[in-house]
Amino acid sequence: MDEFLKIGFPTIKHEEWKYTNISPILKTSFNPANPALKATISKEEIEQYKVAGKDATVVVFINGRYYADLSDISSGVQNIKITSLASDTDFVKNYFGKLASFEKETFVALNTAFHFDGVLIHICENTVAKPIHILHISDSRVEGIASYPRNIVVVDKNSKAQIISTYHSLNNSNHSLTNVVTEIFVGENAYVEYDIKQDETDLACQINQTYVKQQRNSTFDISTVTVGGALVRNNLNILLSDIGCTAHLFGLAIAGGDQVIDNHTVVDHASPQCQSNELYKFILDGKSHGVFNGKIFVRKDAQKTNAYQSNKNILLSRDAIMNAKPQLEIFADDVKCSHGATTGQLDEEALFYLRSRGIGEQNAKALLNFAFASNVIEKINNESLKHNLLQILSKKLNSNITFDSE
């Protein structure tokens, strides 16, 4: 709290927040989630949020608290540990706060001060894990709630894991705030896929902060799909700390009304012979506001770096706003790096072609948007989650198109 009071809340005068006004959060009264209060959600109600497939392990958190009776964790799984963060302090202390500094980031400081639980996932060496679904629900039906989940994922050498985090909210007339911090450690020659689905209500705000450190020859893939929430800010920081690391970053945001979705990414090429590929897309309607701020750092000794960054956006209304700020800072000379951003409307010629084939205007526009969004959703290696996201996309675009599950 001392560090938070020194830093204070960011304003639009801060460079990293110049396009995003957090006044909707500051003007709202939130009560910190109380770990002593029992959730009033049944296991049957949880079923509708399970999107990772029948074989997935499901870890349920409500207002930042772990609920074993609502979760579905197989006991005795060899070389895999999935548990409440609060239950294993000896292991956690070796990783907690090693990547996310509360001395620099306001919302990391708040999370560190107020968190009381989260998930600990440890995949031991030479292990292939089944999908792990972390299900976060904010329940503010009684009062406005601010929750502060804290997650740590450790994937050891030569292992493989897929982590899926989904965010949902239950609101009547009260607002909710989820301020989550996740620290991910990817071991040598390991592969981690991290998929995020943000599908909260118009009374929910979310600050999502993910910090990743990769070891030699490791691969980290992340897909962030945002389809709900009044104000959503995603901070993603990836450190390629050793030779031969690969990172793929994909993002898709579908917004309408007065939604604000802000994706900030930092990829730090600290070692040679690493590569990163980044693609973020926005589809904005109504008076929604999208922000993409992507930074790529290439350090002095990070020779033979390949780094690519692309941001593509479609505005479906005259009132939608998009701010794009791709950035490269290169201190090495033997590199291949590029970045770019494009913002525009739907292709009128393509729209005319579809309509001339008997497709109604609404579905024609939806098809073009599906084509635009599909190469982000297709990066997700989970058929159940992909099907769910396509159905949500169809609903968001007011389309009659349906999809058969695999």
Protein backbone atom coordinates (compact mmCIF):
# COMPACT_ATOMS: atom_id res chain seq x y z
CA MET A 1 0.00 0.00 0.00
CA ASP A 2 2.92 2.33 0.66
CA GLU A 3 4.14 1.79 -2.89
CA PHE A 4 0.64 2.29 -4.28
CA LEU A 5 0.30 5.58 -2.42
CA LYS A 6 3.63 6.72 -3.91
CA ILE A 7 2.61 5.82 -7.45
CA GLY A 8 -1.08 6.75 -7.34
CA PHE A 9 -3.61 5.95 -10.03
CA PRO A 10 -2.53 6.61 -13.63
CA THR A 11 -4.12 9.43 -15.59
CA ILE A 12 -4.16 10.27 -19.29
CA LYS A 13 -1.06 12.36 -18.61
CA HIS A 14 0.86 9.09 -18.14
CA GLU A 15 2.27 7.92 -21.47
CA GLU A 16 1.16 4.31 -20.97
CA TRP A 17 -2.40 5.42 -20.16
CA LYS A 18 -2.80 8.41 -22.49
CA TYR A 19 -5.62 6.80 -24.49
CA THR A 20 -7.44 5.09 -21.61
CA ASN A 21 -9.30 7.02 -18.92
CA ILE A 22 -9.88 4.91 -15.80
CA SER A 23 -12.43 7.32 -14.32
CA PRO A 24 -15.19 4.64 -14.61
CA ILE A 25 -13.21 2.68 -12.01
CA LEU A 26 -12.37 5.66 -9.79
CA LYS A 27 -15.95 6.96 -9.74
CA THR A 28 -17.36 3.61 -8.62
CA SER A 29 -17.49 2.26 -5.09
CA PHE A 30 -16.06 -1.25 -4.70
CA ASN A 31 -15.74 -3.36 -1.57
CA PRO A 32 -12.70 -5.66 -1.47
CA ALA A 33 -13.81 -9.27 -1.78
CA ASN A 34 -14.22 -10.91 1.62
CA PRO A 35 -12.61 -14.38 1.80
CA ALA A 36 -14.94 -15.32 4.66
CA LEU A 37 -18.11 -14.94 2.58
CA LYS A 38 -19.40 -18.14 0.99
CA ALA A 39 -20.47 -18.09 -2.65
CA THR A 40 -24.10 -18.73 -3.52
CA ILE A 41 -23.42 -20.40 -6.88
CA SER A 42 -24.21 -24.06 -7.47
CA LYS A 43 -22.11 -26.55 -9.37
CA GLU A 44 -24.92 -26.80 -11.95
CA GLU A 45 -24.67 -23.06 -12.60
CA ILE A 46 -20.93 -23.42 -13.18
CA GLU A 47 -21.48 -25.89 -16.04
CA GLN A 48 -22.44 -23.15 -18.53
CA TYR A 49 -18.99 -21.57 -18.19
CA LYS A 50 -16.98 -24.73 -18.88
CA VAL A 51 -15.59 -24.23 -22.38
CA ALA A 52 -12.35 -26.22 -22.40
CA GLY A 53 -13.75 -29.67 -23.19
CA LYS A 54 -14.68 -32.76 -21.19
CA ASP A 55 -11.09 -33.78 -20.46
CA ALA A 56 -10.06 -30.43 -18.98
CA THR A 57 -9.21 -29.84 -15.37
CA VAL A 58 -11.39 -26.99 -14.06
CA VAL A 59 -10.30 -24.69 -11.22
CA VAL A 60 -13.06 -22.35 -10.03
CA PHE A 61 -12.52 -18.98 -8.37
CA ILE A 62 -15.35 -16.73 -7.25
CA ASN A 63 -14.40 -13.19 -6.25
CA GLY A 64 -10.79 -14.33 -6.07
CA ARG A 65 -11.41 -17.27 -3.72
CA TYR A 66 -10.76 -20.92 -4.64
CA TYR A 67 -13.73 -23.29 -4.37
CA ALA A 68 -12.69 -26.94 -4.29
CA ASP A 69 -16.30 -28.19 -4.24
CA LEU A 70 -17.06 -26.37 -7.51
CA SER A 71 -13.79 -27.37 -9.20
CA ASP A 72 -12.99 -30.56 -11.09
CA ILE A 73 -9.43 -31.58 -10.29
CA SER A 74 -8.33 -35.19 -10.64
CA SER A 75 -6.46 -36.32 -7.56
CA GLY A 76 -3.15 -38.09 -7.71
CA VAL A 77 -2.13 -36.92 -11.19
CA GLN A 78 1.57 -37.68 -11.47
CA ASN A 79 4.00 -34.76 -11.94
CA ILE A 80 1.24 -32.12 -11.97
CA LYS A 81 0.25 -29.94 -9.05
CA ILE A 82 -2.85 -27.73 -9.20
CA THR A 83 -3.91 -26.10 -5.99
CA SER A 84 -4.85 -22.90 -4.22
CA LEU A 85 -2.03 -20.38 -4.10
CA ALA A 86 -2.62 -19.94 -0.38
CA SER A 87 -2.05 -23.64 0.35
CA ASP A 88 1.64 -23.91 -0.59
CA THR A 89 3.51 -20.86 0.62
CA ASP A 90 6.92 -22.60 0.65
CA PHE A 91 6.86 -23.23 -3.11
CA VAL A 92 5.11 -19.98 -3.98
CA LYS A 93 7.67 -17.75 -2.28
CA ASN A 94 10.28 -18.79 -4.88
CA TYR A 95 8.17 -17.29 -7.69
CA PHE A 96 5.79 -14.72 -6.22
CA GLY A 97 6.61 -11.21 -7.41
CA LYS A 98 9.70 -12.28 -9.36
CA LEU A 99 8.27 -10.93 -12.64
CA ALA A 100 5.47 -8.55 -11.57
CA SER A 101 6.91 -5.56 -9.71
CA PHE A 102 4.58 -3.69 -7.38
CA GLU A 103 7.11 -0.85 -7.28
CA LYS A 104 6.39 0.13 -10.88
CA GLU A 105 2.74 -0.70 -11.61
CA THR A 106 -0.22 0.74 -9.73
CA PHE A 107 -2.54 -2.20 -10.24
CA VAL A 108 0.16 -4.76 -9.41
CA ALA A 109 0.67 -2.92 -6.12
CA LEU A 110 -3.07 -3.07 -5.40
CA ASN A 111 -3.21 -6.75 -6.28
CA THR A 112 -0.24 -7.51 -4.05
CA ALA A 113 -1.85 -5.62 -1.18
CA PHE A 114 -5.35 -7.10 -1.41
CA HIS A 115 -5.01 -10.60 -2.90
CA PHE A 116 -5.73 -13.56 -0.65
CA ASP A 117 -5.85 -16.45 -3.10
CA GLY A 118 -5.31 -17.65 -6.65
CA VAL A 119 -4.12 -20.75 -8.44
CA LEU A 120 -0.73 -22.48 -8.35
CA ILE A 121 0.00 -24.72 -11.34
CA HIS A 122 3.26 -26.68 -11.40
CA ILE A 123 4.00 -29.00 -14.31
CA CYS A 124 7.10 -31.08 -13.55
CA GLU A 125 9.79 -32.07 -16.05
CA ASN A 126 8.98 -34.26 -19.07
CA THR A 127 5.21 -34.03 -18.59
CA VAL A 128 2.37 -33.44 -21.03
CA ALA A 129 -0.64 -32.01 -19.22
CA LYS A 130 -4.30 -32.06 -20.25
CA PRO A 131 -5.96 -28.64 -20.68
CA ILE A 132 -6.34 -26.70 -17.44
CA HIS A 133 -9.26 -24.26 -17.25
CA ILE A 134 -9.06 -21.46 -14.68
CA LEU A 135 -12.60 -20.15 -14.30
CA HIS A 136 -12.93 -16.70 -12.69
CA ILE A 137 -16.38 -15.41 -11.73
CA SER A 138 -17.06 -11.98 -10.24
CA ASP A 139 -20.29 -12.03 -8.22
CA SER A 140 -21.48 -8.52 -7.34
CA ARG A 141 -25.21 -9.23 -7.11
CA VAL A 142 -25.29 -8.14 -3.45
CA GLU A 143 -22.74 -5.31 -3.51
CA GLY A 144 -20.02 -3.83 -5.71
CA ILE A 145 -16.99 -6.13 -5.47
CA ALA A 146 -13.30 -5.76 -6.31
CA SER A 147 -11.40 -9.04 -6.47
CA TYR A 148 -7.65 -9.55 -6.76
CA PRO A 149 -6.73 -13.06 -7.98
CA ARG A 150 -3.02 -13.92 -8.09
CA ASN A 151 -1.85 -16.83 -10.25
CA ILE A 152 1.49 -18.59 -10.65
CA VAL A 153 2.22 -21.09 -13.43
CA VAL A 154 5.50 -23.02 -13.50
CA VAL A 155 6.15 -25.37 -16.41
CA ASP A 156 9.44 -27.21 -16.03
CA LYS A 157 11.93 -28.47 -18.61
CA ASN A 158 10.66 -30.48 -21.62
CA SER A 159 7.01 -30.20 -20.59
CA LYS A 160 3.85 -29.11 -22.39
CA ALA A 161 0.73 -27.40 -21.05
CA GLN A 162 -2.36 -25.52 -22.18
CA ILE A 163 -3.85 -23.07 -19.69
CA ILE A 164 -7.24 -21.48 -20.41
CA SER A 165 -8.41 -18.53 -18.29
CA THR A 166 -11.98 -17.31 -18.67
CA TYR A 167 -13.62 -14.35 -16.94
CA HIS A 168 -17.32 -13.89 -16.28
CA SER A 169 -19.41 -11.62 -14.05
CA LEU A 170 -22.77 -11.77 -12.30
CA ASN A 171 -24.19 -8.29 -11.82
CA ASN A 172 -27.64 -6.96 -11.02
CA SER A 173 -27.16 -3.23 -10.56
CA ASN A 174 -23.76 -3.36 -8.86
CA HIS A 175 -20.43 -2.98 -10.61
CA SER A 176 -17.45 -5.30 -10.31
CA LEU A 177 -13.69 -4.98 -10.74
CA THR A 178 -11.28 -7.85 -11.38
CA ASN A 179 -7.62 -6.95 -10.93
CA VAL A 180 -5.65 -10.10 -11.73
CA VAL A 181 -1.90 -10.77 -11.89
CA THR A 182 -0.50 -13.93 -13.48
CA GLU A 183 3.20 -14.89 -13.48
CA ILE A 184 4.23 -17.66 -15.89
CA PHE A 185 7.62 -19.40 -15.88
CA VAL A 186 8.39 -21.45 -19.00
CA GLY A 187 11.26 -23.91 -18.55
CA GLU A 188 13.91 -24.99 -21.04
CA ASN A 189 12.49 -26.62 -24.17
CA ALA A 190 8.96 -26.36 -22.73
CA TYR A 191 5.79 -25.37 -24.58
CA VAL A 192 2.99 -23.36 -23.01
CA GLU A 193 -0.24 -22.19 -24.64
CA TYR A 194 -2.17 -19.61 -22.63
CA ASP A 195 -5.65 -18.69 -23.85
CA ILE A 196 -7.73 -15.89 -22.30
CA LYS A 197 -11.46 -15.36 -22.83
CA GLN A 198 -12.93 -12.17 -21.34
CA ASP A 199 -16.72 -12.23 -21.43
CA GLU A 200 -17.97 -10.00 -18.62
CA THR A 201 -21.00 -7.68 -18.48
CA ASP A 202 -21.29 -3.95 -19.12
CA LEU A 203 -21.09 -3.39 -15.34
CA ALA A 204 -17.70 -5.10 -15.07
CA CYS A 205 -14.18 -3.69 -15.36
CA GLN A 206 -11.02 -5.75 -15.60
CA ILE A 207 -7.30 -5.07 -15.30
CA ASN A 208 -5.45 -8.18 -16.47
CA GLN A 209 -1.68 -8.32 -16.06
CA THR A 210 0.36 -11.25 -17.37
CA TYR A 211 4.12 -11.62 -16.95
CA VAL A 212 6.09 -14.37 -18.69
CA LYS A 213 9.71 -15.49 -18.51
CA GLN A 214 11.03 -17.99 -21.04
CA GLN A 215 14.11 -20.18 -20.74
CA ARG A 216 16.29 -21.61 -23.53
CA ASN A 217 14.50 -23.03 -26.60
CA SER A 218 11.06 -22.64 -25.05
CA THR A 219 7.83 -21.63 -26.83
CA PHE A 220 5.01 -19.54 -25.43
CA ASP A 221 1.77 -18.91 -27.33
CA ILE A 222 -0.96 -16.60 -26.04
CA SER A 223 -4.38 -15.75 -27.49
CA THR A 224 -6.50 -13.08 -25.80
CA VAL A 225 -10.12 -12.78 -26.95
CA THR A 226 -12.16 -9.95 -25.40
CA VAL A 227 -15.89 -9.87 -26.09
CA GLY A 228 -17.32 -8.27 -22.93
CA GLY A 229 -16.61 -5.78 -20.17
CA ALA A 230 -17.13 -2.03 -19.76
CA LEU A 231 -13.40 -1.31 -19.46
CA VAL A 232 -10.78 -3.99 -20.08
CA ARG A 233 -7.05 -3.33 -19.88
CA ASN A 234 -4.63 -6.15 -20.72
CA ASN A 235 -0.95 -5.73 -19.88
CA LEU A 236 1.24 -8.49 -21.33
CA ASN A 237 4.98 -8.60 -20.68
CA ILE A 238 7.14 -11.38 -22.14
CA LEU A 239 10.86 -11.78 -21.41
CA LEU A 240 12.84 -13.96 -23.84
CA SER A 241 15.65 -14.53 -21.40
CA ASP A 242 17.72 -17.20 -23.16
CA ILE A 243 18.79 -18.40 -26.61
CA GLY A 244 16.27 -19.87 -29.03
CA CYS A 245 13.00 -18.70 -27.47
CA THR A 246 9.82 -18.28 -29.53
CA ALA A 247 6.72 -16.28 -28.59
CA HIS A 248 3.45 -15.90 -30.48
CA LEU A 249 0.99 -13.22 -29.36
CA PHE A 250 -2.53 -13.10 -30.76
CA GLY A 251 -5.41 -10.87 -29.73
CA LEU A 252 -8.99 -10.24 -30.84
CA ALA A 253 -11.35 -7.62 -29.41
CA ILE A 254 -15.04 -7.28 -30.34
CA ALA A 255 -16.58 -4.13 -28.84
CA GLY A 256 -19.74 -2.08 -29.10
CA GLY A 257 -21.70 0.48 -27.12
CA ASP A 258 -19.37 2.44 -24.84
CA GLN A 259 -16.87 -0.37 -24.25
CA VAL A 260 -13.17 0.41 -23.86
CA ILE A 261 -10.65 -2.34 -24.65
CA ASP A 262 -6.94 -1.62 -24.26
CA ASN A 263 -4.22 -4.14 -25.15
CA HIS A 264 -0.67 -3.24 -24.09
CA THR A 265 2.13 -5.66 -24.97
CA VAL A 266 5.87 -5.69 -24.28
CA VAL A 267 8.18 -8.30 -25.80
CA ASP A 268 11.74 -8.07 -24.47
CA HIS A 269 14.30 -9.80 -26.68
CA ALA A 270 17.09 -10.09 -24.13
CA SER A 271 18.99 -12.96 -25.80
CA PRO A 272 20.10 -13.83 -29.34
CA GLN A 273 18.41 -16.14 -31.86
CA CYS A 274 14.88 -15.56 -30.56
CA GLN A 275 11.74 -14.78 -32.48
CA SER A 276 8.35 -13.25 -31.75
CA ASN A 277 5.24 -12.87 -33.88
CA GLU A 278 2.41 -10.57 -32.82
CA LEU A 279 -1.05 -10.05 -34.34
CA TYR A 280 -3.85 -8.05 -32.68
CA LYS A 281 -7.22 -7.29 -34.26
CA PHE A 282 -10.15 -5.09 -33.23
CA ILE A 283 -13.73 -4.95 -34.51
CA LEU A 284 -15.37 -1.81 -33.09
CA ASP A 285 -18.99 -0.69 -33.29
CA GLY A 286 -21.13 1.97 -31.60
CA LYS A 287 -19.09 4.41 -29.55
CA SER A 288 -16.55 1.83 -28.48
CA HIS A 289 -12.88 2.64 -28.07
CA GLY A 290 -9.98 0.35 -28.85
CA VAL A 291 -6.32 0.81 -27.92
CA PHE A 292 -3.29 -1.16 -29.06
CA ASN A 293 0.14 -0.26 -27.73
CA GLY A 294 2.80 -2.78 -28.66
CA LYS A 295 6.48 -2.53 -27.76
CA ILE A 296 9.32 -4.70 -28.97
CA PHE A 297 12.72 -4.31 -27.31
CA VAL A 298 15.80 -5.84 -28.93
CA ARG A 299 18.74 -5.66 -26.53
CA LYS A 300 22.34 -5.01 -27.61
CA ASP A 301 23.41 -8.66 -27.42
CA ALA A 302 20.20 -10.07 -28.95
CA GLN A 303 21.64 -10.67 -32.42
CA LYS A 304 19.79 -12.84 -34.98
CA THR A 305 16.43 -11.64 -33.66
CA ASN A 306 13.25 -12.00 -35.72
CA ALA A 307 10.38 -9.86 -34.46
CA TYR A 308 7.12 -9.04 -36.24
CA GLN A 309 4.17 -7.02 -35.03
CA SER A 310 0.86 -6.29 -36.75
CA ASN A 311 -2.31 -4.51 -35.66
CA LYS A 312 -5.41 -4.54 -37.91
CA ASN A 313 -8.72 -2.88 -37.07
CA ILE A 314 -12.22 -2.54 -38.53
CA LEU A 315 -14.55 0.29 -37.54
CA LEU A 316 -18.22 -0.53 -38.08
CA SER A 317 -19.52 2.91 -37.09
CA ARG A 318 -18.51 6.54 -37.46
CA ASP A 319 -18.36 7.00 -33.69
CA ALA A 320 -15.94 4.15 -32.93
CA ILE A 321 -12.38 5.18 -32.05
CA MET A 322 -9.12 3.27 -32.47
CA ASN A 323 -5.71 4.36 -31.15
CA ALA A 324 -2.76 2.31 -32.37
CA LYS A 325 0.84 2.76 -31.30
CA PRO A 326 3.25 0.04 -32.51
CA GLN A 327 6.83 0.56 -31.33
CA LEU A 328 10.28 -0.90 -31.94
CA GLU A 329 13.42 -0.18 -29.92
CA ILE A 330 16.39 -1.96 -31.47
CA PHE A 331 19.91 -1.88 -30.05
CA ALA A 332 21.34 -4.77 -32.09
CA ASP A 333 22.34 -4.62 -35.75
CA ASP A 334 21.79 -8.18 -37.06
CA VAL A 335 18.01 -8.42 -36.79
CA LYS A 336 14.83 -8.74 -38.86
CA CYS A 337 12.07 -6.62 -37.36
CA SER A 338 8.92 -4.99 -38.69
CA HIS A 339 5.69 -3.51 -37.41
CA GLY A 340 2.57 -1.89 -38.77
CA ALA A 341 -1.01 -0.88 -38.08
CA THR A 342 -4.04 -0.46 -40.35
CA THR A 343 -7.53 0.82 -39.52
CA GLY A 344 -10.47 0.98 -41.90
CA GLN A 345 -13.99 -0.14 -42.73
CA LEU A 346 -15.36 -3.28 -44.36
CA ASP A 347 -14.37 -3.89 -47.97
CA GLU A 348 -17.28 -2.51 -50.02
CA GLU A 349 -16.42 -4.63 -53.05
CA ALA A 350 -16.38 -7.83 -51.01
CA LEU A 351 -19.68 -6.80 -49.38
CA PHE A 352 -21.24 -6.16 -52.82
CA TYR A 353 -20.02 -9.55 -54.07
CA LEU A 354 -21.63 -11.43 -51.17
CA ARG A 355 -24.90 -9.53 -51.51
CA SER A 356 -24.99 -10.23 -55.24
CA ARG A 357 -24.92 -13.94 -54.33
CA GLY A 358 -28.15 -13.60 -52.35
CA ILE A 359 -26.67 -13.12 -48.89
CA GLY A 360 -28.44 -10.50 -46.79
CA GLU A 361 -26.52 -7.40 -45.74
CA GLN A 362 -26.38 -8.36 -42.07
CA ASN A 363 -25.00 -11.84 -42.72
CA ALA A 364 -22.69 -10.54 -45.46
CA LYS A 365 -21.11 -8.11 -42.99
CA ALA A 366 -20.89 -10.90 -40.41
CA LEU A 367 -19.12 -13.21 -42.87
CA LEU A 368 -16.52 -10.55 -43.65
CA ASN A 369 -15.96 -9.98 -39.95
CA PHE A 370 -15.67 -13.73 -39.35
CA ALA A 371 -13.04 -13.94 -42.07
CA PHE A 372 -11.21 -11.03 -40.47
CA ALA A 373 -11.30 -12.58 -36.98
CA SER A 374 -10.86 -16.25 -37.85
CA ASN A 375 -7.08 -16.39 -38.11
CA VAL A 376 -6.84 -15.29 -34.47
CA ILE A 377 -9.43 -17.75 -33.16
CA GLU A 378 -7.91 -20.56 -35.24
CA LYS A 379 -4.63 -20.18 -33.36
CA ILE A 380 -6.32 -21.67 -30.29
CA ASN A 381 -5.63 -25.42 -30.00
CA ASN A 382 -8.86 -26.33 -28.23
CA GLU A 383 -11.89 -27.19 -30.36
CA SER A 384 -14.41 -26.68 -27.58
CA LEU A 385 -13.15 -23.18 -26.83
CA LYS A 386 -12.95 -22.26 -30.52
CA HIS A 387 -16.55 -23.34 -31.07
CA ASN A 388 -17.70 -21.30 -28.07
CA LEU A 389 -15.89 -18.19 -29.30
CA LEU A 390 -17.36 -18.51 -32.80
CA GLN A 391 -20.86 -18.70 -31.35
CA ILE A 392 -20.21 -15.61 -29.24
CA LEU A 393 -18.81 -13.80 -32.26
CA SER A 394 -21.94 -14.61 -34.24
CA LYS A 395 -24.13 -13.21 -31.45
CA LYS A 396 -22.01 -10.06 -31.09
CA LEU A 397 -22.32 -9.40 -34.82
CA ASN A 398 -26.11 -9.95 -34.77
CA SER A 399 -25.74 -12.76 -37.27
CA ASN A 400 -27.92 -15.81 -37.90
CA ILE A 401 -24.88 -17.92 -38.72
CA THR A 402 -24.49 -21.03 -36.57
CA PHE A 403 -21.61 -23.47 -36.12
CA ASP A 404 -21.67 -27.20 -35.54
CA SER A 405 -19.41 -28.42 -32.77
CA GLU A 406 -16.63 -30.82 -33.71
